[in-house]
Amino acid sequence: MDQLFNPDGIAIVGASSNPSKAGYVAIRNMKEKAYPGNVYPINVRESEILGYPCYASLKDVQGNIDLLVLIMPSKMIYTVMDELDQRMEEKGDVKFLVCAAADYAETKTPEGIDRQERLMRTARRFGIRVVGPNCIGVIDNRSRVDTTFVDTGVPFTSFGEPTGITFLSQSGALASAVLMEGASRVVPVLYNKFISIGNMADVDFVDLLDYFETDESTRVIGIYMEGYNDGKRLAASLRRVSLKKPIVVLKVGRSALGANAANSHTGSMAGSDRVYDAMFKQNGVIRVGTINEMIDTLQAFDRMPLPAGGNLFLYSQAGGPGIYCTDAISHYQELTMPVVSDDTKARLAASQLPMANICHPEGYADITASASVRNHVDGLQIVLEEKNVDAVIFITVVPTFLPQKELAEELVKMEQAVNHPGKPVYYCIMAGAYTALARGIMEKNGLCTFDSPERAVMAARNMCVYAAFRARHKKEA
């Protein structure tokens, strides 16, 4: 799989000079990310596109091609595969093929099925691995490969270092939405690796999970799944990988209508949702219900240590959001608001204003809207030092008289201090765009922020469930 994510030479059949065409966006993405290898646009009518010399056909490319990308209309597959047959007989260089076009076997028409079979006949003959058809392609933000035709609207240079989040999806459109949603966050999410697999005519979930298991740059794996036809094979791979790295799945087809839609979309048989649900739970996979929950959870796993247990202390600067969050915590049986020691209660009370509510109920502190930056930071440090606290949800609704830049910087200092206990803190910084300054400072320094209490709680619960799975397996071993 290394040559898929770090290829020596990429050819794009269907490259275009028209900015409204997918074949142009794919070339532009490679240009903007400054892919260091050779890019070969295949276009019989153009001499160059964005500075890359064009070639009339595959046989005209003299340089090495590890990765071939197909973005042309599906009806051209016969001509292109004939050219590829000839090239492979002469040079034998293509290792991977990404077919980004649709209108193949997912249509369930004789014509679509025949087009996909023609594609796979050449692939099987020469041992070429195929991604797709009916996908949007591959991204590796470390090697700077981007074969997609997706425009996130955010320049690559503004992202900074890639995360440890790798994401794979059966749906190209859903994958695009995840990219764009990540790019629109306070600090854009730059995925480590990103791949849309469409019809899975060849490369599938298990192939990629097996690769990501040993990929050192992947810390957490996100999956959008419609269905898979070999449950035992998938379960075995999920379990083996999840014992090393968290896997977060957005599995659709919960309803009969959804399952039918999945079958029509990528030709996937969704199967019984209860079977999938049980399989995920048994194998340590975290199943989420929304795109936001998935991205929140992936970021939490990527940025924070696993909690030792489910004792979640709620540390809030305001009563209303604290009560709102308490209800969210009580919804999950895996989470408990812990009883802390009398010494911690006394130290916490001494660090706050007299009107602060300390541990009524247990595991809860309301430091009040008058709390200063020092009240926020010092109290949080005390809570984290309590041995019966595994993790903390921190809530503040930043008032105009509280300097949010100073608050963010002091929280970063506390997290980066050598005496930090190494417990996850889910920072809920409420008030929308007004708090973007504080959240930006915190996230650029590796902290994990949320814009609502329930989203912070869901991420905390998901990390707790995964940590419990790992702990159980360690005991059994």
Protein backbone atom coordinates (compact mmCIF):
# COMPACT_ATOMS: atom_id res chain seq x y z
CA MET A 1 0.00 0.00 0.00
CA ASP A 2 2.97 2.35 0.33
CA GLN A 3 2.91 3.03 -3.41
CA LEU A 4 -0.73 4.11 -3.18
CA PHE A 5 0.00 6.78 -0.58
CA ASN A 6 3.56 7.61 -1.66
CA PRO A 7 3.75 6.87 -5.39
CA ASP A 8 6.59 7.53 -7.78
CA GLY A 9 4.71 9.23 -10.60
CA ILE A 10 0.97 9.86 -11.03
CA ALA A 11 -0.90 9.88 -14.34
CA ILE A 12 -4.41 11.37 -14.54
CA VAL A 13 -6.63 10.26 -17.43
CA GLY A 14 -9.40 12.82 -17.85
CA ALA A 15 -7.25 15.78 -16.83
CA SER A 16 -8.85 19.05 -17.90
CA SER A 17 -7.98 22.73 -18.28
CA ASN A 18 -11.57 23.66 -17.44
CA PRO A 19 -11.81 24.80 -13.77
CA SER A 20 -15.36 23.47 -13.55
CA LYS A 21 -14.25 19.91 -14.34
CA ALA A 22 -13.17 17.28 -11.82
CA GLY A 23 -10.08 16.59 -13.93
CA TYR A 24 -8.90 20.16 -13.39
CA VAL A 25 -9.46 20.14 -9.61
CA ALA A 26 -7.41 16.94 -9.25
CA ILE A 27 -4.47 18.57 -11.07
CA ARG A 28 -4.87 21.77 -9.06
CA ASN A 29 -4.88 19.87 -5.76
CA MET A 30 -1.58 18.20 -6.66
CA LYS A 31 -0.15 21.58 -7.63
CA GLU A 32 -1.31 23.37 -4.47
CA LYS A 33 0.03 20.65 -2.20
CA ALA A 34 3.35 20.69 -4.05
CA TYR A 35 3.49 16.94 -4.63
CA PRO A 36 7.23 16.40 -5.22
CA GLY A 37 6.88 13.58 -7.76
CA ASN A 38 5.97 13.67 -11.45
CA VAL A 39 2.38 14.40 -12.49
CA TYR A 40 1.29 13.37 -15.99
CA PRO A 41 -2.03 14.85 -17.19
CA ILE A 42 -3.50 12.77 -20.04
CA ASN A 43 -5.42 15.04 -22.41
CA VAL A 44 -5.21 14.76 -26.20
CA ARG A 45 -6.30 18.39 -26.81
CA GLU A 46 -4.05 20.28 -24.36
CA SER A 47 -0.30 20.93 -24.34
CA GLU A 48 -0.14 21.73 -20.60
CA ILE A 49 -2.36 22.16 -17.55
CA LEU A 50 -1.22 24.35 -14.64
CA GLY A 51 2.37 24.01 -15.79
CA TYR A 52 2.33 20.22 -16.16
CA PRO A 53 3.02 19.02 -19.75
CA CYS A 54 0.12 16.98 -21.14
CA TYR A 55 0.26 13.62 -22.90
CA ALA A 56 -2.11 12.33 -25.57
CA SER A 57 -2.21 8.81 -24.14
CA LEU A 58 -0.62 6.53 -21.55
CA LYS A 59 1.83 5.14 -24.09
CA ASP A 60 3.34 8.61 -24.53
CA VAL A 61 4.45 8.91 -20.91
CA GLN A 62 8.12 7.92 -20.73
CA GLY A 63 8.51 8.33 -16.96
CA ASN A 64 7.49 5.83 -14.29
CA ILE A 65 3.81 5.65 -13.22
CA ASP A 66 3.06 4.01 -9.88
CA LEU A 67 -0.46 5.42 -9.62
CA LEU A 68 -2.99 5.82 -12.43
CA VAL A 69 -6.07 7.98 -11.76
CA LEU A 70 -9.16 7.69 -13.98
CA ILE A 71 -11.54 10.67 -13.99
CA MET A 72 -12.78 10.35 -17.57
CA PRO A 73 -16.37 9.30 -18.50
CA SER A 74 -16.92 5.62 -17.80
CA LYS A 75 -17.70 4.82 -21.45
CA MET A 76 -14.02 5.47 -22.26
CA ILE A 77 -12.85 2.63 -20.00
CA TYR A 78 -12.43 0.20 -22.91
CA THR A 79 -10.00 2.45 -24.80
CA VAL A 80 -8.07 3.35 -21.67
CA MET A 81 -7.74 -0.28 -20.57
CA ASP A 82 -6.48 -1.23 -24.03
CA GLU A 83 -3.81 1.46 -23.65
CA LEU A 84 -2.99 0.23 -20.16
CA ASP A 85 -2.66 -3.35 -21.43
CA GLN A 86 -0.10 -2.16 -23.94
CA ARG A 87 1.81 -0.09 -21.39
CA MET A 88 1.97 -2.91 -18.86
CA GLU A 89 3.26 -5.35 -21.48
CA GLU A 90 6.03 -2.87 -22.35
CA LYS A 91 6.85 -1.20 -19.03
CA GLY A 92 4.91 -3.02 -16.27
CA ASP A 93 5.10 -0.01 -13.97
CA VAL A 94 1.56 0.79 -12.76
CA LYS A 95 0.97 -0.55 -9.23
CA PHE A 96 -2.31 1.15 -8.27
CA LEU A 97 -5.32 2.45 -10.13
CA VAL A 98 -7.85 4.89 -8.64
CA CYS A 99 -11.09 4.94 -10.63
CA ALA A 100 -12.86 8.10 -9.53
CA ALA A 101 -15.65 7.89 -12.11
CA ALA A 102 -19.09 6.45 -11.39
CA ASP A 103 -21.51 4.51 -13.65
CA TYR A 104 -19.95 1.09 -13.07
CA ALA A 105 -21.30 -1.99 -11.25
CA GLU A 106 -23.08 0.09 -8.61
CA THR A 107 -25.71 0.87 -11.29
CA LYS A 108 -26.58 -2.87 -11.50
CA THR A 109 -27.07 -2.41 -15.24
CA PRO A 110 -25.45 -4.80 -17.74
CA GLU A 111 -23.46 -1.88 -19.17
CA GLY A 112 -22.13 -0.75 -15.77
CA ILE A 113 -21.25 -4.30 -14.72
CA ASP A 114 -19.43 -4.88 -18.01
CA ARG A 115 -17.42 -1.65 -17.64
CA GLN A 116 -16.27 -2.66 -14.17
CA GLU A 117 -15.37 -6.16 -15.36
CA ARG A 118 -13.30 -4.68 -18.20
CA LEU A 119 -11.43 -2.53 -15.67
CA MET A 120 -10.78 -5.47 -13.38
CA ARG A 121 -9.71 -7.81 -16.21
CA THR A 122 -6.63 -5.69 -16.88
CA ALA A 123 -6.01 -5.14 -13.16
CA ARG A 124 -6.08 -8.87 -12.41
CA ARG A 125 -3.92 -9.71 -15.40
CA PHE A 126 -1.10 -7.42 -14.30
CA GLY A 127 -1.55 -7.46 -10.51
CA ILE A 128 -2.68 -3.82 -10.33
CA ARG A 129 -4.59 -2.94 -7.15
CA VAL A 130 -7.77 -0.94 -7.78
CA VAL A 131 -9.42 1.71 -5.58
CA GLY A 132 -13.06 2.30 -6.59
CA PRO A 133 -14.75 2.68 -8.99
CA ASN A 134 -17.26 5.32 -7.84
CA CYS A 135 -14.92 7.08 -5.40
CA ILE A 136 -13.19 10.45 -5.03
CA GLY A 137 -9.63 9.23 -4.57
CA VAL A 138 -6.76 9.32 -2.13
CA ILE A 139 -5.02 11.93 0.03
CA ASP A 140 -1.80 11.61 2.00
CA ASN A 141 -0.97 14.95 3.59
CA ARG A 142 2.55 13.85 4.50
CA SER A 143 3.64 12.71 1.04
CA ARG A 144 1.39 15.49 -0.41
CA VAL A 145 -0.55 13.19 -2.69
CA ASP A 146 -4.09 14.35 -3.47
CA THR A 147 -5.89 12.63 -6.34
CA THR A 148 -9.33 13.90 -5.29
CA PHE A 149 -11.49 16.42 -7.06
CA VAL A 150 -12.68 18.01 -3.81
CA ASP A 151 -12.27 21.70 -3.02
CA THR A 152 -12.27 22.31 0.75
CA GLY A 153 -11.79 26.06 0.23
CA VAL A 154 -8.81 26.16 2.59
CA PRO A 155 -5.25 26.53 1.21
CA PHE A 156 -3.00 23.62 2.16
CA THR A 157 -0.39 25.94 3.68
CA SER A 158 -2.84 27.19 6.31
CA PHE A 159 -3.34 23.75 7.86
CA GLY A 160 0.00 23.23 9.58
CA GLU A 161 1.18 19.73 10.54
CA PRO A 162 -1.05 16.77 9.60
CA THR A 163 -2.92 15.05 12.43
CA GLY A 164 -2.76 11.34 13.21
CA ILE A 165 -6.32 10.89 11.91
CA THR A 166 -6.80 8.52 8.96
CA PHE A 167 -10.26 8.32 7.38
CA LEU A 168 -11.73 5.87 4.86
CA SER A 169 -15.17 5.98 3.30
CA GLN A 170 -17.39 4.02 0.97
CA SER A 171 -19.14 7.23 -0.06
CA GLY A 172 -17.31 9.89 -2.02
CA ALA A 173 -19.83 12.61 -1.19
CA LEU A 174 -19.78 11.76 2.52
CA ALA A 175 -15.99 11.75 2.40
CA SER A 176 -16.10 15.21 0.79
CA ALA A 177 -18.43 16.43 3.52
CA VAL A 178 -16.07 15.14 6.22
CA LEU A 179 -13.15 16.91 4.54
CA MET A 180 -15.08 20.17 4.27
CA GLU A 181 -16.51 19.97 7.79
CA GLY A 182 -13.02 19.38 9.15
CA ALA A 183 -11.65 22.28 7.12
CA SER A 184 -14.34 24.63 8.48
CA ARG A 185 -13.46 24.11 12.15
CA VAL A 186 -11.74 26.74 14.31
CA VAL A 187 -8.41 25.13 13.46
CA PRO A 188 -8.84 23.11 10.23
CA VAL A 189 -8.40 19.35 10.52
CA LEU A 190 -5.62 18.16 8.24
CA TYR A 191 -6.11 14.41 7.95
CA ASN A 192 -3.11 12.12 7.91
CA LYS A 193 -4.47 9.85 5.18
CA PHE A 194 -7.86 9.99 3.51
CA ILE A 195 -9.30 7.48 1.06
CA SER A 196 -12.63 6.94 -0.66
CA ILE A 197 -13.11 3.30 -1.73
CA GLY A 198 -16.49 3.38 -3.50
CA ASN A 199 -17.57 0.04 -4.95
CA MET A 200 -14.62 -1.87 -3.43
CA ALA A 201 -14.06 -3.83 -6.65
CA ASP A 202 -10.66 -4.68 -5.17
CA VAL A 203 -9.17 -2.64 -2.30
CA ASP A 204 -11.56 -2.77 0.65
CA PHE A 205 -11.85 -2.05 4.36
CA VAL A 206 -9.77 -5.02 5.45
CA ASP A 207 -6.91 -4.25 3.04
CA LEU A 208 -6.70 -0.73 4.40
CA LEU A 209 -7.16 -1.64 8.06
CA ASP A 210 -4.34 -4.14 7.76
CA TYR A 211 -2.12 -1.41 6.31
CA PHE A 212 -3.08 1.28 8.81
CA GLU A 213 -2.43 -1.15 11.67
CA THR A 214 1.31 -0.72 11.15
CA ASP A 215 1.31 2.79 9.65
CA GLU A 216 3.22 4.82 12.24
CA SER A 217 1.60 8.12 11.24
CA THR A 218 -1.92 6.78 11.88
CA ARG A 219 -3.02 7.15 15.52
CA VAL A 220 -6.79 6.76 15.06
CA ILE A 221 -8.93 5.44 12.18
CA GLY A 222 -12.32 6.80 11.11
CA ILE A 223 -14.64 4.84 8.81
CA TYR A 224 -17.86 5.61 6.96
CA MET A 225 -19.41 2.21 6.20
CA GLU A 226 -22.47 1.11 4.25
CA GLY A 227 -21.84 -2.64 4.26
CA TYR A 228 -19.35 -5.46 3.79
CA ASN A 229 -19.93 -8.96 2.46
CA ASP A 230 -17.51 -10.94 4.65
CA GLY A 231 -18.41 -10.28 8.28
CA LYS A 232 -15.93 -12.75 9.81
CA ARG A 233 -13.01 -11.29 7.89
CA LEU A 234 -14.00 -7.75 8.82
CA ALA A 235 -14.53 -8.62 12.50
CA ALA A 236 -11.11 -10.28 12.76
CA SER A 237 -9.38 -7.26 11.24
CA LEU A 238 -11.30 -4.75 13.37
CA ARG A 239 -10.45 -6.60 16.57
CA ARG A 240 -6.77 -6.97 15.80
CA VAL A 241 -6.36 -3.32 14.82
CA SER A 242 -8.52 -1.90 17.63
CA LEU A 243 -6.26 -3.54 20.19
CA LYS A 244 -3.56 -1.18 18.93
CA LYS A 245 -5.44 1.88 17.66
CA PRO A 246 -8.97 3.24 18.17
CA ILE A 247 -11.42 2.77 15.30
CA VAL A 248 -14.44 5.08 15.00
CA VAL A 249 -17.23 4.01 12.63
CA LEU A 250 -20.22 5.83 11.21
CA LYS A 251 -22.24 2.85 9.96
CA VAL A 252 -25.41 3.67 8.04
CA GLY A 253 -28.29 1.44 7.01
CA ARG A 254 -29.85 1.26 10.47
CA SER A 255 -33.32 1.28 8.92
CA ALA A 256 -34.68 -0.94 6.16
CA LEU A 257 -34.93 2.10 3.89
CA GLY A 258 -31.35 3.09 4.67
CA ALA A 259 -30.11 -0.44 3.93
CA ASN A 260 -31.88 -0.39 0.56
CA ALA A 261 -30.38 3.00 -0.24
CA ALA A 262 -26.89 1.70 0.59
CA ASN A 263 -27.40 -1.24 -1.76
CA SER A 264 -28.40 1.14 -4.55
CA HIS A 265 -25.49 3.49 -3.84
CA THR A 266 -22.36 1.34 -3.83
CA GLY A 267 -23.89 -2.08 -4.27
CA SER A 268 -23.27 -2.89 -0.59
CA MET A 269 -25.50 -5.28 1.29
CA ALA A 270 -25.90 -3.50 4.60
CA GLY A 271 -27.06 -6.58 6.53
CA SER A 272 -28.68 -6.64 9.96
CA ASP A 273 -27.89 -3.51 11.91
CA ARG A 274 -28.08 -5.43 15.20
CA VAL A 275 -25.41 -7.83 13.94
CA TYR A 276 -23.11 -4.95 12.99
CA ASP A 277 -23.77 -3.23 16.31
CA ALA A 278 -22.88 -6.36 18.29
CA MET A 279 -19.81 -6.99 16.16
CA PHE A 280 -18.53 -3.44 16.75
CA LYS A 281 -19.03 -3.68 20.51
CA GLN A 282 -17.34 -7.08 20.78
CA ASN A 283 -14.30 -5.84 18.89
CA GLY A 284 -13.75 -2.50 20.58
CA VAL A 285 -15.01 -0.35 17.71
CA ILE A 286 -16.63 2.97 18.63
CA ARG A 287 -19.84 3.47 16.68
CA VAL A 288 -21.03 7.08 16.28
CA GLY A 289 -24.29 8.52 15.00
CA THR A 290 -23.31 11.78 13.28
CA ILE A 291 -20.50 13.38 11.29
CA ASN A 292 -19.83 15.87 14.10
CA GLU A 293 -19.61 13.13 16.71
CA MET A 294 -17.19 11.23 14.47
CA ILE A 295 -14.85 14.20 13.92
CA ASP A 296 -15.06 15.23 17.60
CA THR A 297 -14.18 11.69 18.68
CA LEU A 298 -11.36 11.31 16.17
CA GLN A 299 -9.82 14.58 17.35
CA ALA A 300 -10.16 13.55 20.99
CA PHE A 301 -8.36 10.25 20.38
CA ASP A 302 -5.70 11.99 18.32
CA ARG A 303 -4.92 14.71 20.88
CA MET A 304 -5.51 13.24 24.33
CA PRO A 305 -4.40 10.31 26.49
CA LEU A 306 -6.89 7.54 27.21
CA PRO A 307 -8.72 7.91 30.53
CA ALA A 308 -8.04 5.31 33.21
CA GLY A 309 -11.77 4.92 33.82
CA GLY A 310 -15.17 6.60 33.65
CA ASN A 311 -14.87 8.99 36.62
CA LEU A 312 -15.64 12.29 34.85
CA PHE A 313 -15.48 15.49 36.91
CA LEU A 314 -17.58 18.43 35.67
CA TYR A 315 -15.82 21.78 36.20
CA SER A 316 -18.02 24.66 35.05
CA GLN A 317 -17.83 28.45 35.12
CA ALA A 318 -21.62 28.77 34.82
CA GLY A 319 -24.59 27.06 36.47
CA GLY A 320 -26.91 26.62 33.50
CA PRO A 321 -24.38 24.96 31.17
CA GLY A 322 -23.22 22.86 34.14
CA ILE A 323 -26.71 21.51 34.76
CA TYR A 324 -27.18 20.95 31.02
CA CYS A 325 -23.93 18.99 30.97
CA THR A 326 -24.88 16.99 34.08
CA ASP A 327 -27.96 15.72 32.26
CA ALA A 328 -25.79 14.73 29.29
CA ILE A 329 -23.37 12.81 31.53
CA SER A 330 -26.18 10.98 33.31
CA HIS A 331 -27.38 9.69 29.94
CA TYR A 332 -24.38 7.33 29.70
CA GLN A 333 -23.98 4.44 32.11
CA GLU A 334 -20.23 4.32 31.37
CA LEU A 335 -19.71 7.75 33.00
CA THR A 336 -19.78 8.58 36.71
CA MET A 337 -19.37 11.90 38.47
CA PRO A 338 -16.86 10.90 41.18
CA VAL A 339 -16.64 11.59 44.91
CA VAL A 340 -13.36 13.40 45.54
CA SER A 341 -11.40 13.59 48.80
CA ASP A 342 -12.06 16.14 51.53
CA ASP A 343 -8.59 17.53 50.90
CA THR A 344 -9.39 18.14 47.22
CA LYS A 345 -12.68 19.80 48.16
CA ALA A 346 -10.92 22.08 50.64
CA ARG A 347 -8.16 23.02 48.20
CA LEU A 348 -10.69 23.60 45.44
CA ALA A 349 -12.83 25.84 47.68
CA ALA A 350 -9.75 27.83 48.72
CA SER A 351 -8.85 28.46 45.07
CA GLN A 352 -12.26 29.94 44.22
CA LEU A 353 -14.49 32.87 45.10
CA PRO A 354 -16.71 32.42 48.20
CA MET A 355 -19.90 31.95 46.16
CA ALA A 356 -18.51 28.98 44.21
CA ASN A 357 -20.42 25.69 44.46
CA ILE A 358 -17.96 22.91 45.30
CA CYS A 359 -19.20 19.33 44.91
CA HIS A 360 -22.95 19.84 45.26
CA PRO A 361 -23.64 17.34 43.74
CA GLU A 362 -20.50 15.22 44.01
CA GLY A 363 -18.14 15.41 41.07
CA TYR A 364 -19.35 18.89 40.15
CA ALA A 365 -17.99 22.39 40.64
CA ASP A 366 -19.56 25.69 39.56
CA ILE A 367 -16.89 28.39 39.95
CA THR A 368 -19.40 31.11 38.89
CA ALA A 369 -19.33 33.75 36.16
CA SER A 370 -17.13 36.03 38.26
CA ALA A 371 -14.22 33.58 38.16
CA SER A 372 -10.89 35.01 37.04
CA VAL A 373 -8.33 33.36 34.77
CA ARG A 374 -6.47 32.13 37.87
CA ASN A 375 -9.68 30.72 39.34
CA HIS A 376 -10.24 28.77 36.11
CA VAL A 377 -6.73 27.39 35.82
CA ASP A 378 -5.82 26.78 39.47
CA GLY A 379 -9.04 24.93 40.23
CA LEU A 380 -8.69 22.74 37.16
CA GLN A 381 -5.15 21.79 38.20
CA ILE A 382 -6.43 20.76 41.66
CA VAL A 383 -9.20 18.62 40.15
CA LEU A 384 -6.72 16.88 37.85
CA GLU A 385 -4.50 16.00 40.81
CA GLU A 386 -7.36 14.10 42.50
CA LYS A 387 -6.70 10.35 42.23
CA ASN A 388 -10.40 9.51 41.88
CA VAL A 389 -10.77 11.70 38.76
CA ASP A 390 -10.05 10.03 35.41
CA ALA A 391 -11.03 12.93 33.14
CA VAL A 392 -12.54 16.42 33.30
CA ILE A 393 -15.11 18.33 31.31
CA PHE A 394 -14.23 22.02 31.54
CA ILE A 395 -16.99 24.50 30.62
CA THR A 396 -16.70 28.25 30.33
CA VAL A 397 -19.02 30.77 28.73
CA VAL A 398 -16.45 33.52 28.28
CA PRO A 399 -17.89 36.84 29.53
CA THR A 400 -16.68 40.10 27.99
CA PHE A 401 -14.72 40.96 31.15
CA LEU A 402 -12.71 37.71 31.10
CA PRO A 403 -9.62 38.02 28.85
CA GLN A 404 -10.03 34.96 26.64
CA LYS A 405 -6.55 35.17 25.11
CA GLU A 406 -4.97 35.10 28.57
CA LEU A 407 -7.27 32.26 29.64
CA ALA A 408 -6.33 30.18 26.60
CA GLU A 409 -2.62 30.80 27.04
CA GLU A 410 -2.69 29.90 30.74
CA LEU A 411 -4.60 26.69 30.06
CA VAL A 412 -2.01 25.76 27.42
CA LYS A 413 0.80 26.42 29.93
CA MET A 414 -0.89 24.21 32.50
CA GLU A 415 -1.37 21.36 30.00
CA GLN A 416 2.23 21.59 28.85
CA ALA A 417 3.72 21.73 32.35
CA VAL A 418 5.82 18.79 33.49
CA ASN A 419 3.54 18.27 36.50
CA HIS A 420 0.38 17.83 34.42
CA PRO A 421 -1.23 14.51 35.45
CA GLY A 422 -1.78 13.35 31.85
CA LYS A 423 -5.55 13.05 32.08
CA PRO A 424 -7.88 14.06 29.24
CA VAL A 425 -9.62 17.44 29.57
CA TYR A 426 -12.59 18.13 27.27
CA TYR A 427 -12.62 21.91 26.95
CA CYS A 428 -16.09 23.24 26.17
CA ILE A 429 -15.63 26.93 25.27
CA MET A 430 -19.14 28.21 24.64
CA ALA A 431 -20.46 31.28 22.78
CA GLY A 432 -19.84 30.49 19.13
CA ALA A 433 -17.61 32.68 16.99
CA TYR A 434 -16.91 35.01 19.91
CA THR A 435 -14.59 32.43 21.47
CA ALA A 436 -12.75 31.54 18.24
CA LEU A 437 -9.67 33.40 19.48
CA ALA A 438 -9.37 31.29 22.63
CA ARG A 439 -10.22 28.03 20.91
CA GLY A 440 -7.76 28.74 18.12
CA ILE A 441 -4.90 29.28 20.58
CA MET A 442 -5.79 26.13 22.49
CA GLU A 443 -6.22 23.86 19.47
CA LYS A 444 -3.04 25.06 17.77
CA ASN A 445 -1.26 23.93 20.92
CA GLY A 446 -2.80 20.45 20.91
CA LEU A 447 -5.79 20.91 23.24
CA CYS A 448 -9.20 19.58 22.27
CA THR A 449 -12.11 22.05 22.35
CA PHE A 450 -15.86 21.69 21.85
CA ASP A 451 -18.62 24.22 21.28
CA SER A 452 -21.33 22.48 23.33
CA PRO A 453 -21.44 20.32 26.49
CA GLU A 454 -23.19 17.35 24.89
CA ARG A 455 -20.52 17.06 22.20
CA ALA A 456 -17.79 17.08 24.83
CA VAL A 457 -19.65 14.41 26.80
CA MET A 458 -20.09 12.15 23.76
CA ALA A 459 -16.36 12.32 23.02
CA ALA A 460 -15.58 11.57 26.67
CA ARG A 461 -17.95 8.61 26.70
CA ASN A 462 -16.47 7.20 23.48
CA MET A 463 -12.92 7.41 24.82
CA CYS A 464 -14.04 5.79 28.07
CA VAL A 465 -15.68 2.87 26.24
CA TYR A 466 -12.57 2.25 24.17
CA ALA A 467 -10.28 2.51 27.20
CA ALA A 468 -12.42 -0.08 29.00
CA PHE A 469 -12.13 -2.45 26.01
CA ARG A 470 -8.35 -2.14 26.03
CA ALA A 471 -8.21 -2.64 29.81
CA ARG A 472 -10.41 -5.79 29.64
CA HIS A 473 -8.23 -7.30 26.94
CA LYS A 474 -5.08 -6.57 28.91
CA LYS A 475 -6.51 -8.42 31.91
CA GLU A 476 -7.60 -11.37 29.76
CA ALA A 477 -4.14 -11.56 28.18
